[in-house]
Amino acid sequence: MNTSLAALLLLALPAFAGDRRLIRDVRMEEGLDAPRRCVLLEHGRIAKIYSDGSASVPGVRSYEGEGRLMTPA
């Protein structure tokens, strides 16, 4: 599936206000060979981008991006 996570983020971010969420295993640029990253969201905004696509943050709920392209909403 080559869908982006933009729709997911648009629907989910309001519910995340004040929370921390980690979206794992996403591509930040086009191309199936693009490096996969993890993106930490805090208060509905990107707080940190991890270069390791399998990073984890203790105490933070995570969601699998399954290698999909993540674009700004």
N, C-alpha and C. Protein backbone atom coordinates (compact mmCIF):
# COMPACT_ATOMS: atom_id res chain seq x y z
N MET A 1 0.83 -1.18 0.00
CA MET A 1 0.00 0.00 0.00
C MET A 1 0.87 1.24 0.00
N ASN A 2 0.65 2.15 -0.92
CA ASN A 2 1.45 3.37 -1.01
C ASN A 2 0.70 4.58 -0.48
N THR A 3 -0.18 4.37 0.47
CA THR A 3 -0.91 5.50 1.03
C THR A 3 -0.05 6.21 2.05
N SER A 4 -0.36 7.47 2.28
CA SER A 4 0.41 8.24 3.26
C SER A 4 -0.30 8.22 4.60
N LEU A 5 0.39 8.68 5.60
CA LEU A 5 -0.17 8.75 6.94
C LEU A 5 -0.84 10.09 7.21
N ALA A 6 -0.91 10.96 6.21
CA ALA A 6 -1.48 12.28 6.43
C ALA A 6 -2.92 12.21 6.93
N ALA A 7 -3.72 11.35 6.33
CA ALA A 7 -5.12 11.23 6.76
C ALA A 7 -5.19 10.72 8.19
N LEU A 8 -4.35 9.75 8.51
CA LEU A 8 -4.30 9.21 9.87
C LEU A 8 -3.95 10.32 10.86
N LEU A 9 -2.95 11.12 10.53
CA LEU A 9 -2.54 12.19 11.43
C LEU A 9 -3.62 13.25 11.57
N LEU A 10 -4.27 13.60 10.47
CA LEU A 10 -5.33 14.62 10.55
C LEU A 10 -6.46 14.17 11.46
N LEU A 11 -6.80 12.90 11.39
CA LEU A 11 -7.88 12.39 12.22
C LEU A 11 -7.45 12.20 13.67
N ALA A 12 -6.20 11.84 13.87
CA ALA A 12 -5.75 11.43 15.19
C ALA A 12 -5.18 12.57 16.03
N LEU A 13 -4.58 13.57 15.41
CA LEU A 13 -3.89 14.60 16.18
C LEU A 13 -4.77 15.34 17.19
N PRO A 14 -6.01 15.71 16.88
CA PRO A 14 -6.80 16.38 17.90
C PRO A 14 -6.98 15.54 19.16
N ALA A 15 -7.07 14.25 19.01
CA ALA A 15 -7.22 13.37 20.16
C ALA A 15 -5.92 13.28 20.95
N PHE A 16 -4.80 13.61 20.31
CA PHE A 16 -3.50 13.50 20.95
C PHE A 16 -3.10 14.74 21.73
N ALA A 17 -3.87 15.79 21.65
CA ALA A 17 -3.48 17.05 22.29
C ALA A 17 -3.05 16.80 23.72
N GLY A 18 -1.84 17.19 24.05
CA GLY A 18 -1.30 17.00 25.39
C GLY A 18 -0.68 15.64 25.60
N ASP A 19 -0.77 14.76 24.63
CA ASP A 19 -0.22 13.42 24.74
C ASP A 19 1.05 13.29 23.92
N ARG A 20 1.74 12.17 24.14
CA ARG A 20 2.92 11.83 23.36
C ARG A 20 2.63 10.53 22.63
N ARG A 21 2.93 10.51 21.33
CA ARG A 21 2.71 9.34 20.50
C ARG A 21 3.93 9.15 19.61
N LEU A 22 4.25 7.89 19.34
CA LEU A 22 5.38 7.56 18.48
C LEU A 22 4.84 6.80 17.27
N ILE A 23 5.15 7.30 16.09
CA ILE A 23 4.80 6.60 14.86
C ILE A 23 6.08 5.99 14.33
N ARG A 24 6.10 4.66 14.28
CA ARG A 24 7.32 3.93 13.93
C ARG A 24 7.30 3.50 12.47
N ASP A 25 8.50 3.35 11.92
CA ASP A 25 8.70 2.75 10.61
C ASP A 25 7.98 3.52 9.50
N VAL A 26 8.30 4.81 9.35
CA VAL A 26 7.74 5.61 8.27
C VAL A 26 8.86 6.18 7.41
N ARG A 27 8.53 6.46 6.15
CA ARG A 27 9.48 7.12 5.24
C ARG A 27 9.13 8.60 5.21
N MET A 28 10.14 9.45 5.20
CA MET A 28 9.94 10.90 5.18
C MET A 28 10.15 11.48 3.78
N GLU A 29 10.55 10.63 2.84
CA GLU A 29 10.76 11.06 1.47
C GLU A 29 10.32 9.94 0.54
N GLU A 30 10.04 10.31 -0.71
CA GLU A 30 9.55 9.33 -1.67
C GLU A 30 10.61 8.30 -2.00
N GLY A 31 10.17 7.16 -2.45
CA GLY A 31 11.08 6.09 -2.83
C GLY A 31 11.02 4.96 -1.83
N LEU A 32 10.80 3.76 -2.34
CA LEU A 32 10.68 2.61 -1.44
C LEU A 32 11.99 2.31 -0.72
N ASP A 33 13.11 2.80 -1.26
CA ASP A 33 14.40 2.57 -0.61
C ASP A 33 14.78 3.70 0.34
N ALA A 34 13.89 4.67 0.56
CA ALA A 34 14.16 5.79 1.48
C ALA A 34 14.32 5.25 2.90
N PRO A 35 15.18 5.87 3.70
CA PRO A 35 15.36 5.40 5.08
C PRO A 35 14.07 5.50 5.88
N ARG A 36 13.88 4.55 6.76
CA ARG A 36 12.69 4.54 7.61
C ARG A 36 13.01 5.17 8.95
N ARG A 37 12.08 5.94 9.46
CA ARG A 37 12.28 6.72 10.69
C ARG A 37 11.15 6.46 11.67
N CYS A 38 11.35 6.98 12.88
CA CYS A 38 10.29 7.04 13.89
C CYS A 38 10.07 8.51 14.20
N VAL A 39 8.81 8.89 14.38
CA VAL A 39 8.48 10.29 14.63
C VAL A 39 7.73 10.38 15.96
N LEU A 40 8.27 11.19 16.87
CA LEU A 40 7.65 11.41 18.17
C LEU A 40 6.79 12.67 18.09
N LEU A 41 5.51 12.53 18.44
CA LEU A 41 4.58 13.65 18.45
C LEU A 41 4.29 14.04 19.90
N GLU A 42 4.39 15.33 20.20
CA GLU A 42 4.04 15.85 21.52
C GLU A 42 3.10 17.04 21.30
N HIS A 43 1.96 17.00 21.96
CA HIS A 43 0.97 18.07 21.84
C HIS A 43 0.57 18.31 20.39
N GLY A 44 0.52 17.24 19.60
CA GLY A 44 0.08 17.34 18.21
C GLY A 44 1.13 17.86 17.24
N ARG A 45 2.38 17.98 17.69
CA ARG A 45 3.46 18.49 16.83
C ARG A 45 4.63 17.53 16.85
N ILE A 46 5.42 17.58 15.79
CA ILE A 46 6.61 16.73 15.74
C ILE A 46 7.62 17.25 16.76
N ALA A 47 8.00 16.40 17.70
CA ALA A 47 8.97 16.77 18.72
C ALA A 47 10.36 16.25 18.38
N LYS A 48 10.43 15.06 17.75
CA LYS A 48 11.73 14.47 17.44
C LYS A 48 11.56 13.45 16.33
N ILE A 49 12.58 13.37 15.48
CA ILE A 49 12.62 12.34 14.44
C ILE A 49 13.82 11.46 14.73
N TYR A 50 13.57 10.18 14.90
CA TYR A 50 14.62 9.20 15.18
C TYR A 50 15.07 8.58 13.87
N SER A 51 16.38 8.43 13.69
CA SER A 51 16.89 7.84 12.46
C SER A 51 16.68 6.33 12.42
N ASP A 52 16.44 5.73 13.58
CA ASP A 52 16.18 4.30 13.66
C ASP A 52 14.68 4.06 13.50
N GLY A 53 14.28 3.30 12.48
CA GLY A 53 12.87 3.05 12.22
C GLY A 53 12.20 2.17 13.25
N SER A 54 12.99 1.58 14.15
CA SER A 54 12.40 0.71 15.16
C SER A 54 12.61 1.25 16.58
N ALA A 55 12.84 2.54 16.70
CA ALA A 55 13.07 3.15 18.01
C ALA A 55 11.83 3.00 18.89
N SER A 56 12.06 3.02 20.19
CA SER A 56 10.94 3.00 21.12
C SER A 56 11.22 4.01 22.24
N VAL A 57 10.15 4.56 22.78
CA VAL A 57 10.26 5.53 23.86
C VAL A 57 9.42 4.99 25.02
N PRO A 58 10.04 4.71 26.17
CA PRO A 58 9.28 4.15 27.30
C PRO A 58 8.11 5.05 27.71
N GLY A 59 6.97 4.43 27.94
CA GLY A 59 5.80 5.15 28.41
C GLY A 59 5.03 5.90 27.34
N VAL A 60 5.42 5.73 26.08
CA VAL A 60 4.77 6.43 24.97
C VAL A 60 4.07 5.41 24.09
N ARG A 61 2.81 5.66 23.77
CA ARG A 61 2.05 4.76 22.90
C ARG A 61 2.61 4.86 21.49
N SER A 62 2.79 3.71 20.84
CA SER A 62 3.35 3.72 19.49
C SER A 62 2.39 3.10 18.49
N TYR A 63 2.55 3.54 17.25
CA TYR A 63 1.74 3.06 16.13
C TYR A 63 2.69 2.67 15.02
N GLU A 64 2.38 1.60 14.31
CA GLU A 64 3.22 1.12 13.21
C GLU A 64 2.85 1.81 11.91
N GLY A 65 3.84 2.41 11.26
CA GLY A 65 3.61 3.05 9.97
C GLY A 65 3.75 2.09 8.80
N GLU A 66 4.33 0.92 9.04
CA GLU A 66 4.48 -0.13 8.05
C GLU A 66 5.16 0.34 6.78
N GLY A 67 6.15 1.25 6.92
CA GLY A 67 6.93 1.72 5.78
C GLY A 67 6.23 2.72 4.89
N ARG A 68 5.11 3.23 5.32
CA ARG A 68 4.35 4.19 4.50
C ARG A 68 5.03 5.56 4.50
N LEU A 69 4.67 6.37 3.51
CA LEU A 69 5.19 7.72 3.38
C LEU A 69 4.42 8.64 4.33
N MET A 70 5.15 9.38 5.17
CA MET A 70 4.53 10.32 6.09
C MET A 70 4.72 11.73 5.52
N THR A 71 3.62 12.43 5.33
CA THR A 71 3.67 13.78 4.75
C THR A 71 3.04 14.77 5.73
N PRO A 72 3.41 16.05 5.62
CA PRO A 72 2.79 17.05 6.49
C PRO A 72 1.30 17.21 6.17
N ALA A 73 0.54 17.50 7.18
CA ALA A 73 -0.91 17.66 6.98
C ALA A 73 -1.23 19.09 6.64
